mmCIF file of all heavy atoms, coordinates in Angstrom:
data_MODEL
# 
_entry.id   MODEL 
# 
loop_
_atom_site.group_PDB 
_atom_site.id 
_atom_site.type_symbol 
_atom_site.label_atom_id 
_atom_site.label_alt_id 
_atom_site.label_comp_id 
_atom_site.label_asym_id 
_atom_site.label_entity_id 
_atom_site.label_seq_id 
_atom_site.pdbx_PDB_ins_code 
_atom_site.Cartn_x 
_atom_site.Cartn_y 
_atom_site.Cartn_z 
_atom_site.occupancy 
_atom_site.B_iso_or_equiv 
_atom_site.pdbx_formal_charge 
_atom_site.auth_seq_id 
_atom_site.auth_comp_id 
_atom_site.auth_asym_id 
_atom_site.auth_atom_id 
_atom_site.pdbx_PDB_model_num 
ATOM 1   N N   . THR A 1 1  ? 99.503  102.804 109.124 1.00 0.00 ? 1  THR A N   1 
ATOM 2   C CA  . THR A 1 1  ? 98.987  102.755 110.489 1.00 0.00 ? 1  THR A CA  1 
ATOM 3   C C   . THR A 1 1  ? 98.768  104.181 110.976 1.00 0.00 ? 1  THR A C   1 
ATOM 4   O O   . THR A 1 1  ? 99.530  105.091 110.631 1.00 0.00 ? 1  THR A O   1 
ATOM 5   C CB  . THR A 1 1  ? 99.945  102.022 111.445 1.00 0.00 ? 1  THR A CB  1 
ATOM 6   O OG1 . THR A 1 1  ? 99.387  102.021 112.767 1.00 0.00 ? 1  THR A OG1 1 
ATOM 7   C CG2 . THR A 1 1  ? 101.312 102.674 111.499 1.00 0.00 ? 1  THR A CG2 1 
ATOM 8   N N   . THR A 1 2  ? 97.729  104.363 111.768 1.00 0.00 ? 2  THR A N   1 
ATOM 9   C CA  . THR A 1 2  ? 97.467  105.664 112.382 1.00 0.00 ? 2  THR A CA  1 
ATOM 10  C C   . THR A 1 2  ? 97.643  105.609 113.889 1.00 0.00 ? 2  THR A C   1 
ATOM 11  O O   . THR A 1 2  ? 97.415  106.601 114.577 1.00 0.00 ? 2  THR A O   1 
ATOM 12  C CB  . THR A 1 2  ? 96.043  106.150 112.049 1.00 0.00 ? 2  THR A CB  1 
ATOM 13  O OG1 . THR A 1 2  ? 95.099  105.181 112.501 1.00 0.00 ? 2  THR A OG1 1 
ATOM 14  C CG2 . THR A 1 2  ? 95.888  106.369 110.550 1.00 0.00 ? 2  THR A CG2 1 
ATOM 15  N N   . ASN A 1 3  ? 98.059  104.442 114.390 1.00 0.00 ? 3  ASN A N   1 
ATOM 16  C CA  . ASN A 1 3  ? 98.200  104.279 115.839 1.00 0.00 ? 3  ASN A CA  1 
ATOM 17  C C   . ASN A 1 3  ? 99.574  103.725 116.212 1.00 0.00 ? 3  ASN A C   1 
ATOM 18  O O   . ASN A 1 3  ? 99.707  102.948 117.158 1.00 0.00 ? 3  ASN A O   1 
ATOM 19  C CB  . ASN A 1 3  ? 97.095  103.381 116.384 1.00 0.00 ? 3  ASN A CB  1 
ATOM 20  C CG  . ASN A 1 3  ? 96.974  102.059 115.629 1.00 0.00 ? 3  ASN A CG  1 
ATOM 21  O OD1 . ASN A 1 3  ? 97.955  101.583 115.046 1.00 0.00 ? 3  ASN A OD1 1 
ATOM 22  N ND2 . ASN A 1 3  ? 95.789  101.471 115.626 1.00 0.00 ? 3  ASN A ND2 1 
ATOM 23  N N   . GLY A 1 4  ? 100.582 104.118 115.452 1.00 0.00 ? 4  GLY A N   1 
ATOM 24  C CA  . GLY A 1 4  ? 101.947 103.754 115.796 1.00 0.00 ? 4  GLY A CA  1 
ATOM 25  C C   . GLY A 1 4  ? 102.324 102.319 115.549 1.00 0.00 ? 4  GLY A C   1 
ATOM 26  O O   . GLY A 1 4  ? 103.340 101.853 116.060 1.00 0.00 ? 4  GLY A O   1 
ATOM 27  N N   . GLY A 1 5  ? 101.512 101.585 114.783 1.00 0.00 ? 5  GLY A N   1 
ATOM 28  C CA  . GLY A 1 5  ? 101.854 100.211 114.446 1.00 0.00 ? 5  GLY A CA  1 
ATOM 29  C C   . GLY A 1 5  ? 101.027 99.164  115.155 1.00 0.00 ? 5  GLY A C   1 
ATOM 30  O O   . GLY A 1 5  ? 101.282 97.967  114.991 1.00 0.00 ? 5  GLY A O   1 
ATOM 31  N N   . ASN A 1 6  ? 100.025 99.574  115.929 1.00 0.00 ? 6  ASN A N   1 
ATOM 32  C CA  . ASN A 1 6  ? 99.158  98.582  116.573 1.00 0.00 ? 6  ASN A CA  1 
ATOM 33  C C   . ASN A 1 6  ? 98.329  97.824  115.546 1.00 0.00 ? 6  ASN A C   1 
ATOM 34  O O   . ASN A 1 6  ? 98.111  96.617  115.671 1.00 0.00 ? 6  ASN A O   1 
ATOM 35  C CB  . ASN A 1 6  ? 98.241  99.261  117.598 1.00 0.00 ? 6  ASN A CB  1 
ATOM 36  C CG  . ASN A 1 6  ? 98.997  99.770  118.810 1.00 0.00 ? 6  ASN A CG  1 
ATOM 37  O OD1 . ASN A 1 6  ? 99.958  99.146  119.257 1.00 0.00 ? 6  ASN A OD1 1 
ATOM 38  N ND2 . ASN A 1 6  ? 98.590  100.905 119.335 1.00 0.00 ? 6  ASN A ND2 1 
ATOM 39  N N   . THR A 1 7  ? 97.850  98.538  114.527 1.00 0.00 ? 7  THR A N   1 
ATOM 40  C CA  . THR A 1 7  ? 97.101  97.918  113.431 1.00 0.00 ? 7  THR A CA  1 
ATOM 41  C C   . THR A 1 7  ? 97.510  98.577  112.122 1.00 0.00 ? 7  THR A C   1 
ATOM 42  O O   . THR A 1 7  ? 97.949  99.737  112.098 1.00 0.00 ? 7  THR A O   1 
ATOM 43  C CB  . THR A 1 7  ? 95.578  98.074  113.617 1.00 0.00 ? 7  THR A CB  1 
ATOM 44  O OG1 . THR A 1 7  ? 95.258  99.477  113.718 1.00 0.00 ? 7  THR A OG1 1 
ATOM 45  C CG2 . THR A 1 7  ? 95.106  97.346  114.854 1.00 0.00 ? 7  THR A CG2 1 
ATOM 46  N N   . TRP A 1 8  ? 97.350  97.810  111.039 1.00 0.00 ? 8  TRP A N   1 
ATOM 47  C CA  . TRP A 1 8  ? 97.744  98.293  109.712 1.00 0.00 ? 8  TRP A CA  1 
ATOM 48  C C   . TRP A 1 8  ? 96.613  98.026  108.711 1.00 0.00 ? 8  TRP A C   1 
ATOM 49  O O   . TRP A 1 8  ? 95.888  97.035  108.830 1.00 0.00 ? 8  TRP A O   1 
ATOM 50  C CB  . TRP A 1 8  ? 99.005  97.568  109.221 1.00 0.00 ? 8  TRP A CB  1 
ATOM 51  C CG  . TRP A 1 8  ? 100.205 97.746  110.102 1.00 0.00 ? 8  TRP A CG  1 
ATOM 52  C CD1 . TRP A 1 8  ? 100.548 97.008  111.198 1.00 0.00 ? 8  TRP A CD1 1 
ATOM 53  C CD2 . TRP A 1 8  ? 101.232 98.737  109.949 1.00 0.00 ? 8  TRP A CD2 1 
ATOM 54  N NE1 . TRP A 1 8  ? 101.722 97.457  111.740 1.00 0.00 ? 8  TRP A NE1 1 
ATOM 55  C CE2 . TRP A 1 8  ? 102.172 98.518  111.000 1.00 0.00 ? 8  TRP A CE2 1 
ATOM 56  C CE3 . TRP A 1 8  ? 101.462 99.759  109.039 1.00 0.00 ? 8  TRP A CE3 1 
ATOM 57  C CZ2 . TRP A 1 8  ? 103.303 99.293  111.157 1.00 0.00 ? 8  TRP A CZ2 1 
ATOM 58  C CZ3 . TRP A 1 8  ? 102.590 100.542 109.191 1.00 0.00 ? 8  TRP A CZ3 1 
ATOM 59  C CH2 . TRP A 1 8  ? 103.499 100.303 110.240 1.00 0.00 ? 8  TRP A CH2 1 
ATOM 60  N N   . THR A 1 9  ? 96.498  98.894  107.717 1.00 0.00 ? 9  THR A N   1 
ATOM 61  C CA  . THR A 1 9  ? 95.520  98.702  106.646 1.00 0.00 ? 9  THR A CA  1 
ATOM 62  C C   . THR A 1 9  ? 96.180  98.989  105.304 1.00 0.00 ? 9  THR A C   1 
ATOM 63  O O   . THR A 1 9  ? 97.202  99.686  105.226 1.00 0.00 ? 9  THR A O   1 
ATOM 64  C CB  . THR A 1 9  ? 94.303  99.633  106.802 1.00 0.00 ? 9  THR A CB  1 
ATOM 65  O OG1 . THR A 1 9  ? 94.754  101.002 106.782 1.00 0.00 ? 9  THR A OG1 1 
ATOM 66  C CG2 . THR A 1 9  ? 93.565  99.350  108.103 1.00 0.00 ? 9  THR A CG2 1 
ATOM 67  N N   . THR A 1 10 ? 95.584  98.453  104.232 1.00 0.00 ? 10 THR A N   1 
ATOM 68  C CA  . THR A 1 10 ? 96.072  98.720  102.879 1.00 0.00 ? 10 THR A CA  1 
ATOM 69  C C   . THR A 1 10 ? 94.886  98.893  101.942 1.00 0.00 ? 10 THR A C   1 
ATOM 70  O O   . THR A 1 10 ? 93.810  98.322  102.182 1.00 0.00 ? 10 THR A O   1 
ATOM 71  C CB  . THR A 1 10 ? 96.969  97.578  102.371 1.00 0.00 ? 10 THR A CB  1 
ATOM 72  O OG1 . THR A 1 10 ? 97.495  97.942  101.085 1.00 0.00 ? 10 THR A OG1 1 
ATOM 73  C CG2 . THR A 1 10 ? 96.198  96.275  102.234 1.00 0.00 ? 10 THR A CG2 1 
ATOM 74  N N   . ASN A 1 11 ? 95.096  99.662  100.885 1.00 0.00 ? 11 ASN A N   1 
ATOM 75  C CA  . ASN A 1 11 ? 94.080  99.778  99.839  1.00 0.00 ? 11 ASN A CA  1 
ATOM 76  C C   . ASN A 1 11 ? 94.723  99.740  98.455  1.00 0.00 ? 11 ASN A C   1 
ATOM 77  O O   . ASN A 1 11 ? 94.174  100.246 97.483  1.00 0.00 ? 11 ASN A O   1 
ATOM 78  C CB  . ASN A 1 11 ? 93.262  101.065 99.998  1.00 0.00 ? 11 ASN A CB  1 
ATOM 79  C CG  . ASN A 1 11 ? 94.106  102.324 99.849  1.00 0.00 ? 11 ASN A CG  1 
ATOM 80  O OD1 . ASN A 1 11 ? 95.305  102.247 99.631  1.00 0.00 ? 11 ASN A OD1 1 
ATOM 81  N ND2 . ASN A 1 11 ? 93.480  103.476 99.975  1.00 0.00 ? 11 ASN A ND2 1 
ATOM 82  N N   . THR A 1 12 ? 95.909  99.117  98.384  1.00 0.00 ? 12 THR A N   1 
ATOM 83  C CA  . THR A 1 12 ? 96.653  99.104  97.117  1.00 0.00 ? 12 THR A CA  1 
ATOM 84  C C   . THR A 1 12 ? 96.593  97.763  96.395  1.00 0.00 ? 12 THR A C   1 
ATOM 85  O O   . THR A 1 12 ? 97.356  97.527  95.461  1.00 0.00 ? 12 THR A O   1 
ATOM 86  C CB  . THR A 1 12 ? 98.130  99.482  97.358  1.00 0.00 ? 12 THR A CB  1 
ATOM 87  O OG1 . THR A 1 12 ? 98.695  98.588  98.324  1.00 0.00 ? 12 THR A OG1 1 
ATOM 88  C CG2 . THR A 1 12 ? 98.263  100.910 97.847  1.00 0.00 ? 12 THR A CG2 1 
ATOM 89  N N   . ASP A 1 13 ? 95.682  96.882  96.806  1.00 0.00 ? 13 ASP A N   1 
ATOM 90  C CA  . ASP A 1 13 ? 95.640  95.542  96.211  1.00 0.00 ? 13 ASP A CA  1 
ATOM 91  C C   . ASP A 1 13 ? 95.347  95.567  94.717  1.00 0.00 ? 13 ASP A C   1 
ATOM 92  O O   . ASP A 1 13 ? 95.705  94.621  93.999  1.00 0.00 ? 13 ASP A O   1 
ATOM 93  C CB  . ASP A 1 13 ? 94.586  94.688  96.909  1.00 0.00 ? 13 ASP A CB  1 
ATOM 94  C CG  . ASP A 1 13 ? 95.011  94.263  98.304  1.00 0.00 ? 13 ASP A CG  1 
ATOM 95  O OD1 . ASP A 1 13 ? 96.167  94.544  98.672  1.00 0.00 ? 13 ASP A OD1 1 
ATOM 96  O OD2 . ASP A 1 13 ? 94.195  93.671  99.021  1.00 0.00 ? 13 ASP A OD2 1 
ATOM 97  N N   . GLN A 1 14 ? 94.674  96.611  94.235  1.00 0.00 ? 14 GLN A N   1 
ATOM 98  C CA  . GLN A 1 14 ? 94.264  96.639  92.833  1.00 0.00 ? 14 GLN A CA  1 
ATOM 99  C C   . GLN A 1 14 ? 95.209  97.441  91.939  1.00 0.00 ? 14 GLN A C   1 
ATOM 100 O O   . GLN A 1 14 ? 94.920  97.660  90.762  1.00 0.00 ? 14 GLN A O   1 
ATOM 101 C CB  . GLN A 1 14 ? 92.843  97.205  92.716  1.00 0.00 ? 14 GLN A CB  1 
ATOM 102 C CG  . GLN A 1 14 ? 91.804  96.413  93.482  1.00 0.00 ? 14 GLN A CG  1 
ATOM 103 C CD  . GLN A 1 14 ? 91.800  94.941  93.127  1.00 0.00 ? 14 GLN A CD  1 
ATOM 104 O OE1 . GLN A 1 14 ? 91.858  94.584  91.941  1.00 0.00 ? 14 GLN A OE1 1 
ATOM 105 N NE2 . GLN A 1 14 ? 91.726  94.070  94.117  1.00 0.00 ? 14 GLN A NE2 1 
ATOM 106 N N   . LEU A 1 15 ? 96.333  97.889  92.466  1.00 0.00 ? 15 LEU A N   1 
ATOM 107 C CA  . LEU A 1 15 ? 97.304  98.555  91.615  1.00 0.00 ? 15 LEU A CA  1 
ATOM 108 C C   . LEU A 1 15 ? 97.899  97.561  90.624  1.00 0.00 ? 15 LEU A C   1 
ATOM 109 O O   . LEU A 1 15 ? 97.992  96.365  90.900  1.00 0.00 ? 15 LEU A O   1 
ATOM 110 C CB  . LEU A 1 15 ? 98.430  99.174  92.448  1.00 0.00 ? 15 LEU A CB  1 
ATOM 111 C CG  . LEU A 1 15 ? 98.054  100.325 93.388  1.00 0.00 ? 15 LEU A CG  1 
ATOM 112 C CD1 . LEU A 1 15 ? 99.295  100.823 94.117  1.00 0.00 ? 15 LEU A CD1 1 
ATOM 113 C CD2 . LEU A 1 15 ? 97.384  101.465 92.634  1.00 0.00 ? 15 LEU A CD2 1 
ATOM 114 N N   . THR A 1 16 ? 98.332  98.059  89.471  1.00 0.00 ? 16 THR A N   1 
ATOM 115 C CA  . THR A 1 16 ? 98.934  97.192  88.461  1.00 0.00 ? 16 THR A CA  1 
ATOM 116 C C   . THR A 1 16 ? 100.105 96.406  89.036  1.00 0.00 ? 16 THR A C   1 
ATOM 117 O O   . THR A 1 16 ? 100.269 95.218  88.773  1.00 0.00 ? 16 THR A O   1 
ATOM 118 C CB  . THR A 1 16 ? 99.413  98.036  87.271  1.00 0.00 ? 16 THR A CB  1 
ATOM 119 O OG1 . THR A 1 16 ? 98.321  98.802  86.778  1.00 0.00 ? 16 THR A OG1 1 
ATOM 120 C CG2 . THR A 1 16 ? 99.956  97.154  86.164  1.00 0.00 ? 16 THR A CG2 1 
ATOM 121 N N   . VAL A 1 17 ? 100.932 97.080  89.826  1.00 0.00 ? 17 VAL A N   1 
ATOM 122 C CA  . VAL A 1 17 ? 102.034 96.439  90.555  1.00 0.00 ? 17 VAL A CA  1 
ATOM 123 C C   . VAL A 1 17 ? 101.876 96.829  92.010  1.00 0.00 ? 17 VAL A C   1 
ATOM 124 O O   . VAL A 1 17 ? 101.811 98.018  92.326  1.00 0.00 ? 17 VAL A O   1 
ATOM 125 C CB  . VAL A 1 17 ? 103.404 96.904  90.018  1.00 0.00 ? 17 VAL A CB  1 
ATOM 126 C CG1 . VAL A 1 17 ? 104.513 96.482  90.959  1.00 0.00 ? 17 VAL A CG1 1 
ATOM 127 C CG2 . VAL A 1 17 ? 103.651 96.355  88.625  1.00 0.00 ? 17 VAL A CG2 1 
ATOM 128 N N   . ILE A 1 18 ? 101.776 95.848  92.906  1.00 0.00 ? 18 ILE A N   1 
ATOM 129 C CA  . ILE A 1 18 ? 101.573 96.192  94.313  1.00 0.00 ? 18 ILE A CA  1 
ATOM 130 C C   . ILE A 1 18 ? 102.879 96.206  95.096  1.00 0.00 ? 18 ILE A C   1 
ATOM 131 O O   . ILE A 1 18 ? 102.866 96.436  96.304  1.00 0.00 ? 18 ILE A O   1 
ATOM 132 C CB  . ILE A 1 18 ? 100.540 95.267  94.988  1.00 0.00 ? 18 ILE A CB  1 
ATOM 133 C CG1 . ILE A 1 18 ? 100.977 93.803  94.940  1.00 0.00 ? 18 ILE A CG1 1 
ATOM 134 C CG2 . ILE A 1 18 ? 99.169  95.436  94.364  1.00 0.00 ? 18 ILE A CG2 1 
ATOM 135 C CD1 . ILE A 1 18 ? 100.069 92.894  95.759  1.00 0.00 ? 18 ILE A CD1 1 
ATOM 136 N N   . GLY A 1 19 ? 104.002 95.960  94.440  1.00 0.00 ? 19 GLY A N   1 
ATOM 137 C CA  . GLY A 1 19 ? 105.282 96.151  95.099  1.00 0.00 ? 19 GLY A CA  1 
ATOM 138 C C   . GLY A 1 19 ? 105.592 97.637  95.176  1.00 0.00 ? 19 GLY A C   1 
ATOM 139 O O   . GLY A 1 19 ? 105.250 98.408  94.278  1.00 0.00 ? 19 GLY A O   1 
ATOM 140 N N   . CYS A 1 20 ? 106.233 98.061  96.260  1.00 0.00 ? 20 CYS A N   1 
ATOM 141 C CA  . CYS A 1 20 ? 106.646 99.463  96.365  1.00 0.00 ? 20 CYS A CA  1 
ATOM 142 C C   . CYS A 1 20 ? 107.936 99.557  97.171  1.00 0.00 ? 20 CYS A C   1 
ATOM 143 O O   . CYS A 1 20 ? 108.175 98.766  98.075  1.00 0.00 ? 20 CYS A O   1 
ATOM 144 C CB  . CYS A 1 20 ? 105.551 100.334 96.960  1.00 0.00 ? 20 CYS A CB  1 
ATOM 145 S SG  . CYS A 1 20 ? 104.728 99.677  98.407  1.00 0.00 ? 20 CYS A SG  1 
ATOM 146 N N   . SER A 1 21 ? 108.758 100.528 96.804  1.00 0.00 ? 21 SER A N   1 
ATOM 147 C CA  . SER A 1 21 ? 110.099 100.617 97.369  1.00 0.00 ? 21 SER A CA  1 
ATOM 148 C C   . SER A 1 21 ? 110.367 101.924 98.106  1.00 0.00 ? 21 SER A C   1 
ATOM 149 O O   . SER A 1 21 ? 111.388 102.037 98.787  1.00 0.00 ? 21 SER A O   1 
ATOM 150 C CB  . SER A 1 21 ? 111.151 100.425 96.273  1.00 0.00 ? 21 SER A CB  1 
ATOM 151 O OG  . SER A 1 21 ? 110.931 101.318 95.211  1.00 0.00 ? 21 SER A OG  1 
ATOM 152 N N   . ASP A 1 22 ? 109.488 102.923 97.988  1.00 0.00 ? 22 ASP A N   1 
ATOM 153 C CA  . ASP A 1 22 ? 109.650 104.154 98.769  1.00 0.00 ? 22 ASP A CA  1 
ATOM 154 C C   . ASP A 1 22 ? 108.418 105.018 98.594  1.00 0.00 ? 22 ASP A C   1 
ATOM 155 O O   . ASP A 1 22 ? 107.631 104.839 97.651  1.00 0.00 ? 22 ASP A O   1 
ATOM 156 C CB  . ASP A 1 22 ? 110.893 104.929 98.331  1.00 0.00 ? 22 ASP A CB  1 
ATOM 157 C CG  . ASP A 1 22 ? 111.389 105.904 99.409  1.00 0.00 ? 22 ASP A CG  1 
ATOM 158 O OD1 . ASP A 1 22 ? 110.823 105.893 100.521 1.00 0.00 ? 22 ASP A OD1 1 
ATOM 159 O OD2 . ASP A 1 22 ? 112.330 106.669 99.143  1.00 0.00 ? 22 ASP A OD2 1 
ATOM 160 N N   . ILE A 1 23 ? 108.245 105.954 99.513  1.00 0.00 ? 23 ILE A N   1 
ATOM 161 C CA  . ILE A 1 23 ? 107.189 106.952 99.411  1.00 0.00 ? 23 ILE A CA  1 
ATOM 162 C C   . ILE A 1 23 ? 107.768 108.289 99.853  1.00 0.00 ? 23 ILE A C   1 
ATOM 163 O O   . ILE A 1 23 ? 108.590 108.348 100.772 1.00 0.00 ? 23 ILE A O   1 
ATOM 164 C CB  . ILE A 1 23 ? 105.961 106.560 100.267 1.00 0.00 ? 23 ILE A CB  1 
ATOM 165 C CG1 . ILE A 1 23 ? 104.754 107.405 99.885  1.00 0.00 ? 23 ILE A CG1 1 
ATOM 166 C CG2 . ILE A 1 23 ? 106.258 106.646 101.749 1.00 0.00 ? 23 ILE A CG2 1 
ATOM 167 C CD1 . ILE A 1 23 ? 103.452 106.916 100.507 1.00 0.00 ? 23 ILE A CD1 1 
ATOM 168 N N   . ALA A 1 24 ? 107.377 109.363 99.165  1.00 0.00 ? 24 ALA A N   1 
ATOM 169 C CA  . ALA A 1 24 ? 107.807 110.721 99.515  1.00 0.00 ? 24 ALA A CA  1 
ATOM 170 C C   . ALA A 1 24 ? 106.549 111.534 99.793  1.00 0.00 ? 24 ALA A C   1 
ATOM 171 O O   . ALA A 1 24 ? 105.633 111.576 98.963  1.00 0.00 ? 24 ALA A O   1 
ATOM 172 C CB  . ALA A 1 24 ? 108.618 111.352 98.388  1.00 0.00 ? 24 ALA A CB  1 
ATOM 173 N N   . ILE A 1 25 ? 106.499 112.196 100.947 1.00 0.00 ? 25 ILE A N   1 
ATOM 174 C CA  . ILE A 1 25 ? 105.310 112.905 101.400 1.00 0.00 ? 25 ILE A CA  1 
ATOM 175 C C   . ILE A 1 25 ? 105.604 114.399 101.460 1.00 0.00 ? 25 ILE A C   1 
ATOM 176 O O   . ILE A 1 25 ? 106.626 114.825 102.005 1.00 0.00 ? 25 ILE A O   1 
ATOM 177 C CB  . ILE A 1 25 ? 104.864 112.387 102.775 1.00 0.00 ? 25 ILE A CB  1 
ATOM 178 C CG1 . ILE A 1 25 ? 104.621 110.870 102.711 1.00 0.00 ? 25 ILE A CG1 1 
ATOM 179 C CG2 . ILE A 1 25 ? 103.610 113.098 103.251 1.00 0.00 ? 25 ILE A CG2 1 
ATOM 180 C CD1 . ILE A 1 25 ? 104.328 110.236 104.066 1.00 0.00 ? 25 ILE A CD1 1 
ATOM 181 N N   . ASP A 1 26 ? 104.708 115.192 100.902 1.00 0.00 ? 26 ASP A N   1 
ATOM 182 C CA  . ASP A 1 26 ? 104.843 116.645 100.881 1.00 0.00 ? 26 ASP A CA  1 
ATOM 183 C C   . ASP A 1 26 ? 104.778 117.174 102.316 1.00 0.00 ? 26 ASP A C   1 
ATOM 184 O O   . ASP A 1 26 ? 103.761 117.013 102.992 1.00 0.00 ? 26 ASP A O   1 
ATOM 185 C CB  . ASP A 1 26 ? 103.709 117.234 100.036 1.00 0.00 ? 26 ASP A CB  1 
ATOM 186 C CG  . ASP A 1 26 ? 103.844 118.739 99.824  1.00 0.00 ? 26 ASP A CG  1 
ATOM 187 O OD1 . ASP A 1 26 ? 104.483 119.407 100.655 1.00 0.00 ? 26 ASP A OD1 1 
ATOM 188 O OD2 . ASP A 1 26 ? 103.289 119.239 98.832  1.00 0.00 ? 26 ASP A OD2 1 
# 
């Protein structure tokens, strides 16, 4: 989300596994 959670988008539908458990951002 870019607006604090009012709307959400995804583009990971085509990953081999679409489950995810964490993200680390530089």
